[in-house]
Amino acid sequence: MHAGRLAAAGEALARHPQVHGVLATGGPTNPMCAVFCPDHAALYRFHTEVLGPLGVRRAGTAIVARAVKRAGVRLRPLPGRVSVGRSRLEACAEASRRSARR
């Protein structure tokens, strides 16, 4: 990605419902983002419908099967507590399904 487009692309990615985090880094992996995709089809759509129009020419992908720890995120509810509302992954899956219907 051209350096002049980095700020605008980062802001656009940060607004996307599937994006968990966006980082500007130096070198060939600029920018870097963490994305929640419920399946491979959603990952493909993210590449073609989100990254492509932003000017991303190449994207490396690492699929995380299970996270053990994330900064600032409780991965398991505390004993005796009931989780309220939808999880971030459920919300992203719904957003991805809506995007696929368009």
Protein backbone atom coordinates (compact mmCIF):
# COMPACT_ATOMS: atom_id res chain seq x y z
CA MET A 1 0.00 0.00 0.00
CA HIS A 2 1.22 3.47 -0.82
CA ALA A 3 2.26 5.30 2.37
CA GLY A 4 0.01 8.24 1.49
CA ARG A 5 -3.06 5.99 1.77
CA LEU A 6 -2.11 4.42 5.09
CA ALA A 7 -4.04 6.79 7.41
CA ALA A 8 -7.25 6.67 5.36
CA ALA A 9 -7.05 2.89 4.98
CA GLY A 10 -6.41 2.43 8.70
CA GLU A 11 -9.41 4.56 9.59
CA ALA A 12 -11.64 2.69 7.14
CA LEU A 13 -10.50 -0.66 8.53
CA ALA A 14 -11.06 0.50 12.12
CA ARG A 15 -14.71 1.31 11.29
CA HIS A 16 -15.40 -2.12 9.78
CA PRO A 17 -17.46 -4.39 12.11
CA GLN A 18 -15.26 -7.45 11.53
CA VAL A 19 -12.01 -5.68 12.43
CA HIS A 20 -10.83 -6.20 16.00
CA GLY A 21 -7.71 -4.03 15.76
CA VAL A 22 -5.58 -2.09 13.27
CA LEU A 23 -1.85 -1.33 13.50
CA ALA A 24 0.46 0.71 11.33
CA THR A 25 3.80 -1.08 11.09
CA GLY A 26 6.98 -0.57 9.15
CA GLY A 27 7.99 -2.82 6.31
CA PRO A 28 6.05 -5.08 3.97
CA THR A 29 3.22 -5.88 6.43
CA ASN A 30 1.85 -2.37 6.66
CA PRO A 31 -0.98 -2.12 7.78
CA MET A 32 -1.75 -5.07 10.02
CA CYS A 33 -5.24 -5.86 11.28
CA ALA A 34 -6.97 -8.55 13.30
CA VAL A 35 -10.23 -9.64 11.71
CA PHE A 36 -12.98 -11.93 12.99
CA CYS A 37 -14.31 -14.09 10.15
CA PRO A 38 -16.73 -16.92 10.92
CA ASP A 39 -15.65 -18.99 7.89
CA HIS A 40 -13.36 -19.03 4.85
CA ALA A 41 -16.02 -17.47 2.62
CA ALA A 42 -16.21 -14.45 4.94
CA LEU A 43 -12.41 -14.17 4.90
CA TYR A 44 -12.45 -14.23 1.09
CA ARG A 45 -15.15 -11.52 1.00
CA PHE A 46 -13.10 -9.41 3.42
CA HIS A 47 -10.10 -9.64 1.10
CA THR A 48 -12.04 -8.87 -2.06
CA GLU A 49 -14.68 -6.39 -0.82
CA VAL A 50 -12.77 -4.53 1.91
CA LEU A 51 -9.01 -4.80 1.37
CA GLY A 52 -9.03 -4.62 -2.44
CA PRO A 53 -10.93 -1.32 -2.70
CA LEU A 54 -8.58 0.18 -0.08
CA GLY A 55 -5.62 -0.41 -2.39
CA VAL A 56 -4.16 -3.44 -0.63
CA ARG A 57 -2.28 -5.40 -3.30
CA ARG A 58 -1.14 -8.34 -1.16
CA ALA A 59 -2.34 -9.67 2.17
CA GLY A 60 -0.86 -12.34 4.36
CA THR A 61 -3.30 -14.38 6.42
CA ALA A 62 -2.77 -16.30 9.64
CA ILE A 63 -5.77 -18.22 10.93
CA VAL A 64 -5.93 -18.37 14.73
CA ALA A 65 -7.79 -21.45 15.91
CA ARG A 66 -7.80 -20.52 19.61
CA ALA A 67 -6.63 -17.49 21.55
CA VAL A 68 -5.30 -18.12 25.04
CA LYS A 69 -4.85 -14.48 26.05
CA ARG A 70 -5.66 -11.10 24.54
CA ALA A 71 -4.88 -7.71 26.02
CA GLY A 72 -7.91 -6.21 27.72
CA VAL A 73 -10.29 -9.04 26.78
CA ARG A 74 -11.64 -11.63 29.20
CA LEU A 75 -11.81 -14.87 27.25
CA ARG A 76 -13.93 -16.80 29.74
CA PRO A 77 -16.69 -15.47 31.96
CA LEU A 78 -15.92 -15.38 35.66
CA PRO A 79 -17.33 -18.36 37.63
CA GLY A 80 -20.93 -17.74 38.68
CA ARG A 81 -21.49 -14.93 36.17
CA VAL A 82 -23.81 -15.11 33.22
CA SER A 83 -22.64 -13.48 30.03
CA VAL A 84 -25.04 -10.80 28.77
CA GLY A 85 -25.51 -9.99 25.10
CA ARG A 86 -23.83 -11.36 22.01
CA SER A 87 -20.15 -12.07 21.74
CA ARG A 88 -18.01 -10.00 19.38
CA LEU A 89 -17.60 -13.07 17.14
CA GLU A 90 -21.39 -13.54 16.93
CA ALA A 91 -21.85 -9.88 16.00
CA CYS A 92 -19.13 -10.14 13.34
CA ALA A 93 -20.64 -13.32 11.93
CA GLU A 94 -23.96 -11.53 11.58
CA ALA A 95 -22.31 -8.53 9.88
CA SER A 96 -20.53 -10.90 7.50
CA ARG A 97 -23.79 -12.65 6.60
CA ARG A 98 -25.44 -9.28 5.89
CA SER A 99 -22.50 -8.32 3.67
CA ALA A 100 -22.77 -11.61 1.75
CA ARG A 101 -26.46 -10.95 0.99
CA ARG A 102 -25.67 -7.64 -0.77
